[in-house]
Amino acid sequence: MRFTIFQESRVGKRKSNQDRMAYSYSRDALLMVIADGMGGHLQGEVAAQIAVQYMVESFQREAKPRLTDPFLFLSRGLTNAHCAILDYADERDIEDGPRTTCVACVIQDSVAYWAHAGDSRLYVLRAGHVMTQTRDHSRVQRMIDRGLLDEDGAMTHPHRNRIYSCLGGPIAPQIEYSRKTPLLAGDTVFLCSDGVWGPLGNDQLLRLFTEIDVMQAVPRVMDSAEAAGGETCDNLTMVALNWHDSYAEEPRGSVTTKTLPLDRHTTVLEGFGDRVPIREDWDESAIEAAISEINTAINKYSSKGQ
């Protein structure tokens, strides 16, 4: 595989960053994942951390160097992450437990597979057009589907942030899966939280990505979304990839997995509390306790992902 990948997360105008992101790759497979802890629910950042960390650790166990079944991996990963979040809440006796959206993408054999719950999105761009994107699990999306609302109206609708599927809620998540999507050299795949796509809309997102690589595009998109979000700007998170899939090319900053050992992985995942603003009422001991409890919740389901 050859690709260029870049990720960034910003707190916006919020007091803490409840978004989490990561990517991990072996010689033959790549995982990208974003989770957006639900605002208004206790410890959304914990739910997002559990979701992303569980997906990455599962990938590292199973992709040696490839996944047997990417869709099965995504199904088990998101379902077990949901259960791990519930266990975390149960152990701490949290009545209104932490919740998170999640979107995860696997690329293997030049084919993309993805799954999501909530309104964190994935886009595939080709030749200057949106080839496909995820469909939000939200009230306004249902209104759009019924012809009651257009895209412009959805951007300012008072219920635009209300979603009906997430990880960690009392109802099992509605997880939606893609079709197998072959990638061509030059395609761009990016995942983002609603703090990115919400203030911009598809047309502006597409313009910001036109004829530009992800190492330049992501900061440009984030700057534009942060400015458009103004004083109410939400957390913003994006993971984006340019697919090259040609060892003859050597674009700036590109990654090649050709010489990566079969049992090795490269992962970019920030630990809980690492450079990510945590709520002001969490001191160092509270963070350490949360890390321990997060790991306990994840480890309980690790054996079920085999």
Protein backbone atom coordinates (compact mmCIF):
# COMPACT_ATOMS: atom_id res chain seq x y z
CA MET A 1 0.00 0.00 0.00
CA ARG A 2 1.08 3.58 -0.61
CA PHE A 3 -0.86 6.50 0.79
CA THR A 4 -0.55 9.92 2.41
CA ILE A 5 -2.43 10.32 5.70
CA PHE A 6 -2.94 13.22 8.07
CA GLN A 7 -5.09 13.78 11.15
CA GLU A 8 -5.87 16.72 13.40
CA SER A 9 -8.20 17.54 16.30
CA ARG A 10 -9.05 20.92 17.84
CA VAL A 11 -11.09 21.88 20.87
CA GLY A 12 -12.91 24.76 19.13
CA LYS A 13 -14.72 26.98 21.63
CA ARG A 14 -15.60 24.13 24.01
CA LYS A 15 -14.05 23.65 27.45
CA SER A 16 -12.78 20.16 26.59
CA ASN A 17 -12.26 17.97 23.55
CA GLN A 18 -14.61 14.99 23.51
CA ASP A 19 -13.47 13.87 20.02
CA ARG A 20 -10.97 11.04 19.57
CA MET A 21 -9.18 9.85 16.42
CA ALA A 22 -6.61 7.30 15.36
CA TYR A 23 -5.15 5.37 12.47
CA SER A 24 -3.18 2.15 12.39
CA TYR A 25 -1.73 0.12 9.55
CA SER A 26 -0.03 -3.18 8.94
CA ARG A 27 1.71 -4.19 5.72
CA ASP A 28 -1.59 -5.08 4.01
CA ALA A 29 -4.38 -3.28 5.88
CA LEU A 30 -5.21 0.17 7.24
CA LEU A 31 -7.70 1.35 9.88
CA MET A 32 -8.97 4.91 10.39
CA VAL A 33 -11.45 5.77 13.15
CA ILE A 34 -13.10 8.84 14.69
CA ALA A 35 -15.44 9.05 17.68
CA ASP A 36 -17.29 12.12 18.92
CA GLY A 37 -18.28 11.95 22.59
CA MET A 38 -21.87 13.02 22.99
CA GLY A 39 -22.32 16.52 24.36
CA GLY A 40 -24.75 16.63 27.26
CA HIS A 41 -23.85 13.13 28.39
CA LEU A 42 -21.43 12.47 31.24
CA GLN A 43 -17.87 11.72 30.22
CA GLY A 44 -18.40 11.64 26.48
CA GLU A 45 -14.63 11.80 26.10
CA VAL A 46 -14.38 8.45 27.92
CA ALA A 47 -16.87 6.80 25.57
CA ALA A 48 -14.99 8.15 22.55
CA GLN A 49 -11.66 6.95 23.97
CA ILE A 50 -13.03 3.46 24.60
CA ALA A 51 -14.44 3.24 21.05
CA VAL A 52 -11.26 4.38 19.30
CA GLN A 53 -8.86 2.49 21.56
CA TYR A 54 -10.88 -0.73 21.29
CA MET A 55 -10.96 -0.55 17.49
CA VAL A 56 -7.20 0.08 17.28
CA GLU A 57 -6.27 -2.69 19.71
CA SER A 58 -8.55 -5.14 17.87
CA PHE A 59 -6.92 -4.18 14.58
CA GLN A 60 -3.46 -4.74 16.03
CA ARG A 61 -4.47 -8.22 17.22
CA GLU A 62 -6.15 -9.31 14.00
CA ALA A 63 -4.37 -7.59 11.10
CA LYS A 64 -1.27 -9.80 10.86
CA PRO A 65 -0.85 -8.53 8.25
CA ARG A 66 -4.44 -8.56 6.92
CA LEU A 67 -7.97 -8.98 8.24
CA THR A 68 -9.81 -12.18 7.41
CA ASP A 69 -13.14 -10.35 7.01
CA PRO A 70 -13.14 -6.52 7.22
CA PHE A 71 -16.91 -6.27 7.63
CA LEU A 72 -16.90 -8.82 10.44
CA PHE A 73 -14.05 -6.92 12.07
CA LEU A 74 -16.06 -3.68 11.93
CA SER A 75 -19.21 -5.35 13.25
CA ARG A 76 -17.53 -7.01 16.19
CA GLY A 77 -15.41 -3.96 16.93
CA LEU A 78 -18.24 -1.44 17.14
CA THR A 79 -20.56 -3.85 18.97
CA ASN A 80 -17.95 -4.78 21.56
CA ALA A 81 -16.93 -1.14 22.00
CA HIS A 82 -20.59 -0.35 22.71
CA CYS A 83 -20.69 -3.09 25.35
CA ALA A 84 -17.41 -1.93 26.89
CA ILE A 85 -18.83 1.60 27.28
CA LEU A 86 -21.91 0.17 28.99
CA ASP A 87 -19.70 -1.83 31.37
CA TYR A 88 -17.66 1.27 32.19
CA ALA A 89 -20.85 3.15 33.09
CA ASP A 90 -22.19 0.21 35.10
CA GLU A 91 -18.97 -0.14 37.12
CA ARG A 92 -19.07 3.56 38.01
CA ASP A 93 -22.84 3.48 38.60
CA ILE A 94 -23.42 6.23 36.03
CA GLU A 95 -27.15 6.44 35.39
CA ASP A 96 -26.98 8.55 32.23
CA GLY A 97 -23.94 6.82 30.79
CA PRO A 98 -21.31 8.12 28.37
CA ARG A 99 -22.11 7.87 24.66
CA THR A 100 -20.31 8.50 21.40
CA THR A 101 -20.72 8.48 17.66
CA CYS A 102 -18.20 6.41 15.73
CA VAL A 103 -17.11 5.98 12.12
CA ALA A 104 -14.41 3.47 11.18
CA CYS A 105 -12.88 2.57 7.83
CA VAL A 106 -10.68 -0.36 6.77
CA ILE A 107 -8.72 -0.38 3.51
CA GLN A 108 -7.37 -3.69 2.26
CA ASP A 109 -6.53 -4.89 -1.26
CA SER A 110 -7.33 -1.36 -2.53
CA VAL A 111 -10.92 -1.76 -1.29
CA ALA A 112 -12.50 0.42 1.39
CA TYR A 113 -14.99 -0.92 3.95
CA TRP A 114 -16.61 1.27 6.57
CA ALA A 115 -19.27 1.35 9.26
CA HIS A 116 -20.76 4.09 11.41
CA ALA A 117 -23.24 4.97 14.13
CA GLY A 118 -24.32 8.57 14.55
CA ASP A 119 -23.39 11.67 12.56
CA SER A 120 -19.62 11.49 12.30
CA ARG A 121 -19.06 11.15 8.56
CA LEU A 122 -16.91 9.46 5.95
CA TYR A 123 -16.47 10.85 2.43
CA VAL A 124 -14.84 9.36 -0.67
CA LEU A 125 -13.76 11.97 -3.22
CA ARG A 126 -12.85 11.15 -6.81
CA ALA A 127 -11.98 13.50 -9.67
CA GLY A 128 -13.34 16.54 -7.84
CA HIS A 129 -16.66 14.97 -6.85
CA VAL A 130 -18.14 13.30 -3.77
CA MET A 131 -18.33 9.70 -4.94
CA THR A 132 -20.06 8.52 -1.76
CA GLN A 133 -20.58 9.51 1.86
CA THR A 134 -22.18 8.13 4.99
CA ARG A 135 -25.78 8.92 5.86
CA ASP A 136 -26.28 10.59 9.24
CA HIS A 137 -28.35 8.81 11.87
CA SER A 138 -30.12 12.04 12.80
CA ARG A 139 -33.57 13.59 12.93
CA VAL A 140 -32.76 16.16 10.28
CA GLN A 141 -31.51 13.45 7.90
CA ARG A 142 -34.86 11.71 8.26
CA MET A 143 -36.56 15.00 7.42
CA ILE A 144 -34.33 15.38 4.35
CA ASP A 145 -35.18 11.82 3.26
CA ARG A 146 -38.90 12.65 3.51
CA GLY A 147 -38.51 15.86 1.51
CA LEU A 148 -39.34 18.06 4.50
CA LEU A 149 -35.96 19.79 4.63
CA ASP A 150 -33.12 20.63 2.27
CA GLU A 151 -29.37 20.60 2.97
CA ASP A 152 -29.24 24.37 3.62
CA GLY A 153 -32.11 24.15 6.09
CA ALA A 154 -30.49 21.21 7.84
CA MET A 155 -27.36 23.28 8.63
CA THR A 156 -29.36 25.68 10.82
CA HIS A 157 -32.17 23.43 12.07
CA PRO A 158 -32.51 23.53 15.90
CA HIS A 159 -32.54 19.70 16.05
CA ARG A 160 -29.51 19.20 13.79
CA ASN A 161 -27.48 17.64 16.62
CA ARG A 162 -30.08 15.10 17.68
CA ILE A 163 -29.09 11.59 16.65
CA TYR A 164 -30.81 8.25 17.10
CA SER A 165 -27.86 5.85 16.97
CA CYS A 166 -24.68 5.88 19.04
CA LEU A 167 -22.38 3.64 21.05
CA GLY A 168 -23.05 3.44 24.78
CA GLY A 169 -26.75 4.31 24.88
CA PRO A 170 -29.47 2.16 26.46
CA ILE A 171 -30.62 1.03 23.00
CA ALA A 172 -28.36 -1.14 20.84
CA PRO A 173 -26.74 1.01 18.15
CA GLN A 174 -27.97 0.99 14.58
CA ILE A 175 -24.70 0.33 12.75
CA GLU A 176 -24.71 1.02 9.03
CA TYR A 177 -22.21 -0.65 6.68
CA SER A 178 -20.86 0.39 3.31
CA ARG A 179 -20.56 -1.65 0.18
CA LYS A 180 -17.11 -2.81 -0.84
CA THR A 181 -15.69 0.30 -2.49
CA PRO A 182 -12.64 -0.15 -4.77
CA LEU A 183 -10.23 2.78 -4.57
CA LEU A 184 -8.30 4.26 -7.47
CA ALA A 185 -5.02 6.17 -7.33
CA GLY A 186 -5.89 9.79 -6.62
CA ASP A 187 -8.95 9.06 -4.49
CA THR A 188 -9.31 10.84 -1.16
CA VAL A 189 -10.99 9.27 1.86
CA PHE A 190 -11.68 11.35 4.94
CA LEU A 191 -13.51 10.92 8.23
CA CYS A 192 -14.68 13.88 10.32
CA SER A 193 -16.81 14.84 13.28
CA ASP A 194 -19.82 17.14 12.91
CA GLY A 195 -17.72 20.06 14.14
CA VAL A 196 -16.04 19.95 10.70
CA TRP A 197 -18.86 19.26 8.26
CA GLY A 198 -21.61 21.06 10.17
CA PRO A 199 -20.45 24.68 9.65
CA LEU A 200 -19.23 24.10 6.08
CA GLY A 201 -21.58 21.87 4.13
CA ASN A 202 -20.57 19.55 1.30
CA ASP A 203 -19.97 22.19 -1.36
CA GLN A 204 -17.42 24.08 0.68
CA LEU A 205 -15.76 20.88 1.92
CA LEU A 206 -15.31 19.78 -1.67
CA ARG A 207 -13.88 23.12 -2.76
CA LEU A 208 -11.32 23.04 0.05
CA PHE A 209 -10.12 19.60 -1.09
CA THR A 210 -9.92 20.33 -4.81
CA GLU A 211 -6.47 19.51 -6.27
CA ILE A 212 -4.72 19.57 -2.92
CA ASP A 213 -3.11 16.86 -0.81
CA VAL A 214 -4.40 15.99 2.66
CA MET A 215 -1.39 17.45 4.47
CA GLN A 216 -2.43 20.86 3.16
CA ALA A 217 -6.19 20.25 2.92
CA VAL A 218 -6.87 19.16 6.49
CA PRO A 219 -5.49 22.31 8.18
CA ARG A 220 -7.27 24.43 5.55
CA VAL A 221 -10.60 22.68 6.21
CA MET A 222 -10.14 22.92 9.98
CA ASP A 223 -9.34 26.64 9.78
CA SER A 224 -12.45 27.27 7.66
CA ALA A 225 -14.74 25.18 9.89
CA GLU A 226 -13.40 26.83 13.04
CA ALA A 227 -13.96 30.29 11.59
CA ALA A 228 -17.45 29.38 10.37
CA GLY A 229 -18.32 27.88 13.77
CA GLY A 230 -17.62 31.18 15.46
CA GLU A 231 -18.17 31.52 19.20
CA THR A 232 -20.18 28.27 19.33
CA CYS A 233 -17.57 26.20 17.46
CA ASP A 234 -17.72 22.53 18.42
CA ASN A 235 -14.75 20.16 18.71
CA LEU A 236 -13.28 19.51 15.25
CA THR A 237 -11.58 16.29 14.22
CA MET A 238 -10.51 14.89 10.85
CA VAL A 239 -8.50 11.95 9.51
CA ALA A 240 -7.85 12.10 5.76
CA LEU A 241 -6.01 9.94 3.26
CA ASN A 242 -4.81 10.28 -0.34
CA TRP A 243 -4.68 6.85 -1.94
CA HIS A 244 -1.72 6.31 -4.27
CA ASP A 245 -1.36 2.53 -4.51
CA SER A 246 1.61 2.81 -6.84
CA TYR A 247 5.16 2.22 -5.72
CA ALA A 248 6.37 4.19 -8.73
CA GLU A 249 4.99 7.36 -7.14
CA GLU A 250 6.62 9.08 -4.21
CA PRO A 251 4.33 11.98 -3.23
CA ARG A 252 5.48 14.26 -0.43
CA GLY A 253 4.89 12.69 2.96
CA SER A 254 3.55 9.44 1.56
CA VAL A 255 3.70 6.15 3.47
CA THR A 256 4.64 2.82 1.94
CA THR A 257 3.98 -0.46 3.73
CA LYS A 258 5.94 -2.59 1.26
CA THR A 259 8.79 -3.33 3.67
CA LEU A 260 6.77 -3.40 6.90
CA PRO A 261 7.24 -6.76 8.70
CA LEU A 262 4.21 -9.05 8.68
CA ASP A 263 3.65 -8.80 12.44
CA ARG A 264 4.27 -5.04 12.84
CA HIS A 265 1.86 -2.12 13.00
CA THR A 266 2.26 1.63 12.91
CA THR A 267 -0.34 3.43 15.03
CA VAL A 268 -1.11 7.05 15.81
CA LEU A 269 -3.44 7.20 18.82
CA GLU A 270 -3.26 9.69 21.64
CA GLY A 271 -3.69 8.27 25.13
CA PHE A 272 -6.44 9.56 27.39
CA GLY A 273 -5.35 13.00 28.57
CA ASP A 274 -2.36 13.28 26.22
CA ARG A 275 -2.37 16.84 24.83
CA VAL A 276 -6.18 16.66 24.66
CA PRO A 277 -7.96 19.11 26.97
CA ILE A 278 -9.80 17.22 29.72
CA ARG A 279 -12.58 18.69 31.82
CA GLU A 280 -11.36 21.21 34.38
CA ASP A 281 -12.71 19.16 37.30
CA TRP A 282 -10.47 16.17 36.45
CA ASP A 283 -7.16 16.17 38.31
CA GLU A 284 -4.26 13.81 37.61
CA SER A 285 -5.55 11.10 39.95
CA ALA A 286 -8.99 11.17 38.31
CA ILE A 287 -7.40 10.82 34.87
CA GLU A 288 -5.27 7.89 36.05
CA ALA A 289 -8.36 6.19 37.53
CA ALA A 290 -10.27 6.74 34.28
CA ILE A 291 -7.41 5.25 32.24
CA SER A 292 -7.39 2.16 34.44
CA GLU A 293 -11.16 1.75 34.17
CA ILE A 294 -11.10 2.32 30.40
CA ASN A 295 -8.47 -0.40 29.99
CA THR A 296 -10.43 -2.78 32.23
CA ALA A 297 -13.60 -2.25 30.19
CA ILE A 298 -11.73 -2.79 26.92
CA ASN A 299 -9.81 -5.87 28.11
CA LYS A 300 -13.03 -7.61 29.12
CA TYR A 301 -14.11 -7.69 25.47
CA SER A 302 -10.70 -8.19 23.84
CA SER A 303 -11.01 -11.97 23.80
CA LYS A 304 -14.45 -11.68 22.19
CA GLY A 305 -12.94 -9.92 19.16
CA GLN A 306 -10.94 -12.98 18.12
